[in-house]
Amino acid sequence: MWYLQQETLLILAAFSVLSALLRRFCPKKVFSMVLPLLSLAALFVISKRLCVFYMLYLCQGAICAKIIRKWPKAPLFILSSILAVIPFVVSRIDSFGFELPFLFVSIGLAYAMLKIIDVYYYVYYTKLDVDLLVFANFILFLPVFTAGPIFRYRDFIATHENPLKMDGALLTVCFKRIIWGLFEKIILVRCAMLVMERLLLVTPHWYISAGIIACSYLALFFDLSGYSNIAIAFGKIAGYDVPENFKKPWEAASFTKFWRSWHATFSDWIREHIFIVVGRRKLSRPVSALIALLTMVIMGLWHGFSLPFLIAGIYNGVLLAVENLLSLTTVNRNKTRKPVYVLRCFCVNFLFAINTIVFTLGGEQLLAVLGGMLRL
């Protein structure tokens, strides 16, 4: 686990502190040149193969971005995006029992692919050029390397040019956030998993299955939230205002709102790069529902090329599609009675929680838990 390996954690801490010192004492141009070298050096220490792969992936991305800037044609934009996706697809062939080709890696690639495509969108739609040093820093920025949060390129540029000013108060907040993130990852995730393991030994009934599903939800939340807290804290120490990734999803009374709160930066990426682009015009409810379904299927496959993830994508897509068809995407909290609002929040979170067992349980256990929900 990336952030729980002592060596990796120390490298991230050293990277963030060195970045803060370089930013404070070096000219901006020197800082922009040194930071990607620091990132590559860290990757080299972790894995030489990882370092070489990302050097090549960076070159491919930079060349395609320049081509799109010079010839902003739709076919070139689409082709460049496909080229960015191919390494990600190849990196997932190990899901089918094949060994990865030489140099191909999977660490951080799912997020690097999204960031590179975001750069292509930026260049294609704004007609602005890409600074190669900023581009390299954007793709290689270590605190968010493996699990986000996902920067948008335009937001990264803004915080790169106008960094956070480190002081005692901010350092204290970041230090506390790292401790809390590690507590989530090490203690809370383990507690949720231990309770779930005990419940799995009990004959499944609806209340046992409901307890397992709740533990699964908590384990996944604390795992992802812990990653995000550590990444955000290290990023802020380095001077970058990393976006928040979890925005109280338990307060979401609709699936539309939920996906803007759970892994928010990934959901925002999907919405901006797929949903909005496909549905620029005002769409009918059935078409909006179909796009929502396909979007969630893509999100499911992004997590893994396997039947459970595909089913999870379809499941989440159907929930979102039905919500679109029934015009239940927005809920006015002030105009909704509190018991009704709380009930809707519970239903949204529990229905999502059912999907989380795909990430925490094996096939037979998963089916047993789902079967238990039907046993009174």
Protein backbone atom coordinates (compact mmCIF):
# COMPACT_ATOMS: atom_id res chain seq x y z
CA MET A 1 0.00 0.00 0.00
CA TRP A 2 1.66 3.16 -1.32
CA TYR A 3 1.26 5.51 1.66
CA LEU A 4 1.72 2.83 4.33
CA GLN A 5 5.18 1.78 3.21
CA GLN A 6 7.66 3.48 5.52
CA GLU A 7 10.18 4.20 2.76
CA THR A 8 7.52 5.72 0.48
CA LEU A 9 6.08 7.83 3.29
CA LEU A 10 9.53 9.21 4.08
CA ILE A 11 10.13 9.97 0.39
CA LEU A 12 6.83 11.86 0.19
CA ALA A 13 7.65 13.82 3.34
CA ALA A 14 11.13 14.68 2.05
CA PHE A 15 9.71 15.64 -1.36
CA SER A 16 7.15 17.99 0.20
CA VAL A 17 9.65 19.67 2.54
CA LEU A 18 12.26 20.05 -0.22
CA SER A 19 9.61 21.50 -2.52
CA ALA A 20 8.65 24.05 0.13
CA LEU A 21 12.29 25.03 0.66
CA LEU A 22 13.04 25.25 -3.07
CA ARG A 23 9.98 27.38 -3.65
CA ARG A 24 11.02 29.72 -0.86
CA PHE A 25 14.67 30.15 -1.76
CA CYS A 26 14.91 29.49 -5.53
CA PRO A 27 13.70 31.53 -8.51
CA LYS A 28 10.39 30.30 -9.94
CA LYS A 29 12.01 29.01 -13.13
CA VAL A 30 14.61 27.00 -11.22
CA PHE A 31 11.90 25.56 -8.98
CA SER A 32 9.84 24.48 -12.01
CA MET A 33 12.88 22.74 -13.48
CA VAL A 34 14.01 21.00 -10.30
CA LEU A 35 10.62 19.75 -9.06
CA PRO A 36 9.98 17.19 -11.86
CA LEU A 37 13.57 15.99 -11.45
CA LEU A 38 12.87 15.44 -7.76
CA SER A 39 9.73 13.48 -8.68
CA LEU A 40 11.62 11.32 -11.18
CA ALA A 41 14.41 10.74 -8.66
CA ALA A 42 11.83 9.58 -6.10
CA LEU A 43 10.25 7.24 -8.66
CA PHE A 44 13.73 5.93 -9.53
CA VAL A 45 14.37 5.08 -5.87
CA ILE A 46 10.99 3.34 -5.62
CA SER A 47 11.31 1.54 -8.98
CA LYS A 48 13.63 2.10 -11.94
CA ARG A 49 11.01 0.61 -14.25
CA LEU A 50 8.42 3.03 -12.90
CA CYS A 51 10.73 5.99 -13.54
CA VAL A 52 11.53 4.98 -17.12
CA PHE A 53 7.89 4.32 -17.94
CA TYR A 54 6.77 7.75 -16.77
CA MET A 55 9.58 9.48 -18.64
CA LEU A 56 8.29 7.86 -21.84
CA TYR A 57 4.63 8.54 -20.98
CA LEU A 58 5.49 12.19 -20.32
CA CYS A 59 7.19 12.50 -23.69
CA GLN A 60 4.20 10.99 -25.46
CA GLY A 61 1.81 13.34 -23.64
CA ALA A 62 3.91 16.44 -24.29
CA ILE A 63 4.27 15.66 -28.02
CA CYS A 64 0.52 15.06 -28.41
CA ALA A 65 -0.30 18.28 -26.52
CA LYS A 66 1.95 20.25 -28.88
CA ILE A 67 0.38 18.59 -31.93
CA ILE A 68 -3.14 19.45 -30.70
CA ARG A 69 -2.05 23.04 -30.06
CA LYS A 70 -0.59 23.38 -33.56
CA TRP A 71 -3.38 21.53 -35.36
CA PRO A 72 -6.54 21.73 -33.18
CA LYS A 73 -8.50 19.21 -35.21
CA ALA A 74 -11.02 16.81 -33.67
CA PRO A 75 -9.43 13.65 -35.18
CA LEU A 76 -6.02 14.54 -33.71
CA PHE A 77 -7.59 15.32 -30.34
CA ILE A 78 -9.44 11.98 -30.32
CA LEU A 79 -6.38 10.04 -31.52
CA SER A 80 -4.18 11.63 -28.82
CA SER A 81 -6.74 10.71 -26.15
CA ILE A 82 -6.82 7.11 -27.42
CA LEU A 83 -3.00 6.97 -27.30
CA ALA A 84 -3.16 8.15 -23.67
CA VAL A 85 -5.65 5.38 -22.84
CA ILE A 86 -3.75 2.51 -24.52
CA PRO A 87 -1.02 2.18 -21.83
CA PHE A 88 -3.76 2.12 -19.17
CA VAL A 89 -5.62 -0.65 -21.00
CA VAL A 90 -2.39 -2.64 -21.47
CA SER A 91 -1.57 -2.19 -17.77
CA ARG A 92 -4.85 -3.95 -16.90
CA ILE A 93 -4.18 -7.14 -18.88
CA ASP A 94 -2.81 -8.66 -15.69
CA SER A 95 -6.49 -8.83 -14.63
CA PHE A 96 -6.81 -11.64 -17.18
CA GLY A 97 -3.76 -13.53 -15.95
CA PHE A 98 -1.27 -12.14 -18.48
CA GLU A 99 2.10 -10.71 -17.54
CA LEU A 100 2.57 -7.01 -18.30
CA PRO A 101 4.84 -6.21 -21.26
CA PHE A 102 8.30 -4.88 -20.41
CA LEU A 103 8.25 -1.34 -18.92
CA PHE A 104 4.46 -1.15 -18.59
CA VAL A 105 3.33 -0.37 -15.04
CA SER A 106 0.03 0.14 -13.29
CA ILE A 107 1.09 2.29 -10.31
CA GLY A 108 -0.57 5.68 -10.65
CA LEU A 109 -1.37 5.13 -14.32
CA ALA A 110 -5.17 5.37 -13.92
CA TYR A 111 -4.75 8.89 -12.55
CA ALA A 112 -1.92 9.93 -14.89
CA MET A 113 -4.12 8.97 -17.86
CA LEU A 114 -6.95 11.21 -16.60
CA LYS A 115 -4.57 14.11 -16.07
CA ILE A 116 -3.02 13.81 -19.52
CA ILE A 117 -6.44 13.72 -21.17
CA ASP A 118 -7.40 16.79 -19.13
CA VAL A 119 -4.38 18.59 -20.60
CA TYR A 120 -5.55 17.66 -24.10
CA TYR A 121 -9.00 19.08 -23.31
CA TYR A 122 -7.38 22.25 -21.99
CA VAL A 123 -5.30 22.75 -25.13
CA TYR A 124 -8.08 21.78 -27.55
CA TYR A 125 -10.83 23.96 -26.05
CA THR A 126 -8.79 26.97 -24.87
CA LYS A 127 -6.32 27.01 -27.82
CA LEU A 128 -3.60 27.81 -25.25
CA ASP A 129 -0.13 26.28 -25.21
CA VAL A 130 1.25 24.03 -22.48
CA ASP A 131 4.38 24.88 -20.53
CA LEU A 132 6.39 21.65 -20.63
CA LEU A 133 7.82 22.13 -17.11
CA VAL A 134 4.40 22.80 -15.61
CA PHE A 135 3.07 19.80 -17.56
CA ALA A 136 5.79 17.55 -16.13
CA ASN A 137 5.11 18.80 -12.60
CA PHE A 138 1.39 18.27 -13.11
CA ILE A 139 1.71 14.63 -14.17
CA LEU A 140 4.47 13.65 -11.72
CA PHE A 141 3.34 15.55 -8.61
CA LEU A 142 4.06 12.88 -6.00
CA PRO A 143 1.52 13.57 -3.21
CA VAL A 144 -1.41 12.80 -5.56
CA PHE A 145 0.46 10.31 -7.72
CA THR A 146 -1.32 7.03 -6.95
CA ALA A 147 -4.81 7.81 -5.69
CA GLY A 148 -5.63 11.46 -6.26
CA PRO A 149 -7.21 13.83 -5.55
CA ILE A 150 -7.24 14.67 -9.26
CA PHE A 151 -6.10 18.17 -10.13
CA ARG A 152 -7.55 19.88 -13.16
CA TYR A 153 -4.74 21.33 -15.23
CA ARG A 154 -6.08 24.87 -15.03
CA ASP A 155 -6.32 24.59 -11.23
CA PHE A 156 -2.79 23.19 -11.01
CA ILE A 157 -1.46 26.12 -13.05
CA ALA A 158 -3.18 28.57 -10.70
CA THR A 159 -1.70 27.07 -7.53
CA HIS A 160 1.68 26.55 -9.22
CA GLU A 161 1.87 30.26 -10.05
CA ASN A 162 0.37 31.42 -6.73
CA PRO A 163 1.44 28.83 -4.15
CA LEU A 164 0.27 28.57 -0.57
CA LYS A 165 2.47 30.43 1.89
CA MET A 166 3.74 28.06 4.53
CA ASP A 167 3.54 29.21 8.13
CA GLY A 168 3.26 27.59 11.54
CA ALA A 169 -0.52 27.43 11.46
CA LEU A 170 -0.70 25.73 8.04
CA LEU A 171 2.10 23.32 8.95
CA THR A 172 0.24 22.35 12.12
CA VAL A 173 -2.98 21.73 10.18
CA CYS A 174 -1.12 19.62 7.62
CA PHE A 175 0.68 17.61 10.29
CA LYS A 176 -2.61 16.86 12.08
CA ARG A 177 -4.20 15.88 8.76
CA ILE A 178 -1.39 13.41 8.00
CA ILE A 179 -1.84 11.83 11.44
CA TRP A 180 -5.61 11.60 10.94
CA GLY A 181 -5.14 10.11 7.47
CA LEU A 182 -2.80 7.44 8.82
CA PHE A 183 -5.25 6.76 11.67
CA GLU A 184 -8.01 6.23 9.11
CA LYS A 185 -5.82 3.95 6.98
CA ILE A 186 -4.28 1.91 9.78
CA ILE A 187 -6.83 1.84 12.60
CA LEU A 188 -10.32 2.63 11.31
CA VAL A 189 -10.07 0.55 8.13
CA ARG A 190 -8.76 -2.39 10.14
CA CYS A 191 -11.53 -2.06 12.75
CA ALA A 192 -14.21 -2.00 10.06
CA MET A 193 -12.65 -5.02 8.34
CA LEU A 194 -12.37 -6.98 11.62
CA VAL A 195 -16.06 -6.43 12.40
CA MET A 196 -16.95 -7.41 8.84
CA GLU A 197 -14.84 -10.59 9.08
CA ARG A 198 -16.66 -11.58 12.27
CA LEU A 199 -20.08 -10.94 10.71
CA LEU A 200 -19.15 -13.07 7.71
CA LEU A 201 -18.83 -16.06 10.04
CA VAL A 202 -22.45 -15.68 11.15
CA THR A 203 -25.36 -17.28 9.27
CA PRO A 204 -26.47 -14.50 6.90
CA HIS A 205 -29.80 -12.80 7.55
CA TRP A 206 -30.88 -9.37 6.37
CA TYR A 207 -29.56 -7.63 9.49
CA ILE A 208 -26.21 -9.47 9.30
CA SER A 209 -25.86 -8.61 5.62
CA ALA A 210 -26.82 -5.00 6.36
CA GLY A 211 -24.08 -4.86 9.01
CA ILE A 212 -21.52 -6.30 6.57
CA ILE A 213 -22.53 -3.77 3.93
CA ALA A 214 -22.21 -0.92 6.46
CA CYS A 215 -18.72 -2.12 7.48
CA SER A 216 -17.72 -2.39 3.82
CA TYR A 217 -18.88 1.18 3.21
CA LEU A 218 -16.89 2.45 6.22
CA ALA A 219 -13.77 0.49 5.26
CA LEU A 220 -13.79 1.88 1.72
CA PHE A 221 -14.56 5.41 2.90
CA PHE A 222 -11.78 5.47 5.51
CA ASP A 223 -9.34 3.92 3.03
CA LEU A 224 -9.96 6.52 0.33
CA SER A 225 -10.42 9.40 2.77
CA GLY A 226 -7.17 8.46 4.51
CA TYR A 227 -5.29 8.54 1.20
CA SER A 228 -6.84 11.89 0.36
CA ASN A 229 -6.02 13.48 3.72
CA ILE A 230 -2.38 12.43 3.50
CA ALA A 231 -2.09 13.56 -0.13
CA ILE A 232 -3.76 16.92 0.52
CA ALA A 233 -1.54 17.59 3.53
CA PHE A 234 1.72 16.73 1.74
CA GLY A 235 0.57 18.76 -1.26
CA LYS A 236 -0.13 21.82 0.88
CA ILE A 237 3.29 21.53 2.54
CA ALA A 238 4.78 21.61 -0.98
CA GLY A 239 2.75 24.77 -1.64
CA TYR A 240 -0.05 23.33 -3.77
CA ASP A 241 -3.70 23.82 -2.88
CA VAL A 242 -4.84 20.25 -3.54
CA PRO A 243 -8.64 20.00 -4.00
CA GLU A 244 -10.83 18.21 -1.47
CA ASN A 245 -11.94 14.72 -2.42
CA PHE A 246 -14.65 13.89 0.11
CA LYS A 247 -17.33 16.45 0.96
CA LYS A 248 -19.62 14.77 3.51
CA PRO A 249 -21.22 12.25 1.13
CA TRP A 250 -23.48 11.02 3.96
CA GLU A 251 -25.37 14.31 3.61
CA ALA A 252 -26.28 13.59 -0.03
CA ALA A 253 -30.02 13.14 -0.57
CA SER A 254 -29.63 12.19 -4.25
CA PHE A 255 -27.14 10.13 -6.22
CA THR A 256 -26.24 13.17 -8.31
CA LYS A 257 -25.26 15.02 -5.14
CA PHE A 258 -23.55 11.92 -3.74
CA TRP A 259 -21.20 11.61 -6.72
CA ARG A 260 -20.24 15.25 -6.30
CA SER A 261 -19.21 14.47 -2.73
CA TRP A 262 -17.69 10.96 -2.91
CA HIS A 263 -14.28 10.95 -4.60
CA ALA A 264 -15.41 14.36 -5.84
CA THR A 265 -12.43 15.13 -8.08
CA PHE A 266 -12.88 11.90 -10.03
CA SER A 267 -16.64 12.44 -10.32
CA ASP A 268 -16.00 16.02 -11.51
CA TRP A 269 -13.54 14.73 -14.10
CA ILE A 270 -16.10 12.25 -15.44
CA ARG A 271 -18.83 14.88 -15.54
CA GLU A 272 -16.68 17.51 -17.29
CA HIS A 273 -14.94 15.24 -19.78
CA ILE A 274 -17.73 12.83 -20.65
CA PHE A 275 -21.18 13.89 -19.51
CA ILE A 276 -20.99 17.62 -20.35
CA VAL A 277 -19.07 17.11 -23.62
CA VAL A 278 -21.52 14.47 -24.86
CA GLY A 279 -24.56 16.36 -23.66
CA ARG A 280 -23.80 19.96 -24.59
CA ARG A 281 -27.31 20.56 -25.80
CA LYS A 282 -30.33 20.39 -23.55
CA LEU A 283 -31.11 16.68 -23.48
CA SER A 284 -34.30 14.78 -22.87
CA ARG A 285 -34.63 12.74 -19.70
CA PRO A 286 -34.14 9.37 -21.44
CA VAL A 287 -30.96 10.56 -23.18
CA SER A 288 -29.63 12.07 -19.93
CA ALA A 289 -30.39 8.81 -18.16
CA LEU A 290 -28.57 6.80 -20.86
CA ILE A 291 -25.50 9.04 -20.65
CA ALA A 292 -25.54 8.70 -16.86
CA LEU A 293 -25.68 4.91 -17.19
CA LEU A 294 -22.80 4.76 -19.68
CA THR A 295 -20.75 7.17 -17.57
CA MET A 296 -21.05 4.95 -14.50
CA VAL A 297 -20.17 1.86 -16.54
CA ILE A 298 -16.97 3.63 -17.63
CA MET A 299 -16.27 4.51 -13.99
CA GLY A 300 -16.71 0.85 -13.04
CA LEU A 301 -14.30 -0.37 -15.73
CA TRP A 302 -11.81 2.33 -14.72
CA HIS A 303 -11.54 0.58 -11.37
CA GLY A 304 -10.86 -2.77 -13.01
CA PHE A 305 -11.50 -4.92 -16.07
CA SER A 306 -13.58 -7.60 -14.40
CA LEU A 307 -17.19 -8.73 -14.24
CA PRO A 308 -17.78 -7.50 -10.66
CA PHE A 309 -16.63 -3.97 -11.53
CA LEU A 310 -18.72 -4.00 -14.69
CA ILE A 311 -21.78 -5.07 -12.68
CA ALA A 312 -21.02 -2.37 -10.09
CA GLY A 313 -20.86 0.22 -12.86
CA ILE A 314 -24.18 -0.95 -14.30
CA TYR A 315 -25.74 -0.97 -10.82
CA ASN A 316 -24.64 2.60 -10.04
CA GLY A 317 -25.59 3.66 -13.56
CA VAL A 318 -29.11 2.28 -13.22
CA LEU A 319 -29.61 4.12 -9.92
CA LEU A 320 -28.40 7.38 -11.47
CA ALA A 321 -30.44 6.82 -14.63
CA VAL A 322 -33.66 6.17 -12.68
CA GLU A 323 -33.02 9.32 -10.68
CA ASN A 324 -32.66 11.30 -13.91
CA LEU A 325 -35.81 9.78 -15.38
CA LEU A 326 -37.83 10.67 -12.27
CA SER A 327 -36.28 14.18 -11.96
CA LEU A 328 -35.00 13.45 -8.46
CA THR A 329 -31.47 14.78 -9.02
CA THR A 330 -31.86 17.83 -6.77
CA VAL A 331 -33.33 18.15 -3.28
CA ASN A 332 -33.94 21.49 -1.57
CA ARG A 333 -32.86 20.86 2.00
CA ASN A 334 -34.62 23.95 3.32
CA LYS A 335 -37.93 23.00 1.72
CA THR A 336 -37.83 19.31 2.63
CA ARG A 337 -39.00 18.02 5.99
CA LYS A 338 -36.02 16.86 8.05
CA PRO A 339 -37.22 13.23 8.52
CA VAL A 340 -37.79 12.92 4.76
CA TYR A 341 -34.39 14.45 4.00
CA VAL A 342 -32.62 12.16 6.50
CA LEU A 343 -34.42 9.12 5.06
CA ARG A 344 -33.35 10.04 1.54
CA CYS A 345 -29.72 10.47 2.68
CA PHE A 346 -29.86 7.05 4.36
CA CYS A 347 -31.34 5.38 1.26
CA VAL A 348 -28.78 6.95 -1.09
CA ASN A 349 -25.82 5.96 1.09
CA PHE A 350 -27.09 2.46 1.79
CA LEU A 351 -27.82 1.72 -1.85
CA PHE A 352 -24.32 2.92 -2.71
CA ALA A 353 -22.89 0.88 0.17
CA ILE A 354 -24.22 -2.31 -1.44
CA ASN A 355 -21.90 -1.58 -4.37
CA THR A 356 -18.84 -1.31 -2.06
CA ILE A 357 -18.80 -5.05 -1.30
CA VAL A 358 -17.42 -5.51 -4.82
CA PHE A 359 -14.23 -3.86 -3.53
CA THR A 360 -14.01 -5.66 -0.18
CA LEU A 361 -15.36 -9.20 -0.67
CA GLY A 362 -14.66 -12.18 -2.90
CA GLY A 363 -17.21 -13.65 -5.29
CA GLU A 364 -18.72 -16.32 -3.00
CA GLN A 365 -18.87 -14.02 0.02
CA LEU A 366 -20.41 -11.27 -2.09
CA LEU A 367 -23.19 -13.57 -3.29
CA ALA A 368 -23.78 -14.86 0.24
CA VAL A 369 -24.19 -11.32 1.58
CA LEU A 370 -26.60 -10.38 -1.20
CA GLY A 371 -28.54 -13.59 -0.58
CA GLY A 372 -28.68 -12.78 3.11
CA MET A 373 -30.48 -9.52 2.33
CA LEU A 374 -33.43 -11.63 1.12
CA ARG A 375 -33.53 -13.81 4.23
CA LEU A 376 -35.74 -12.46 7.03
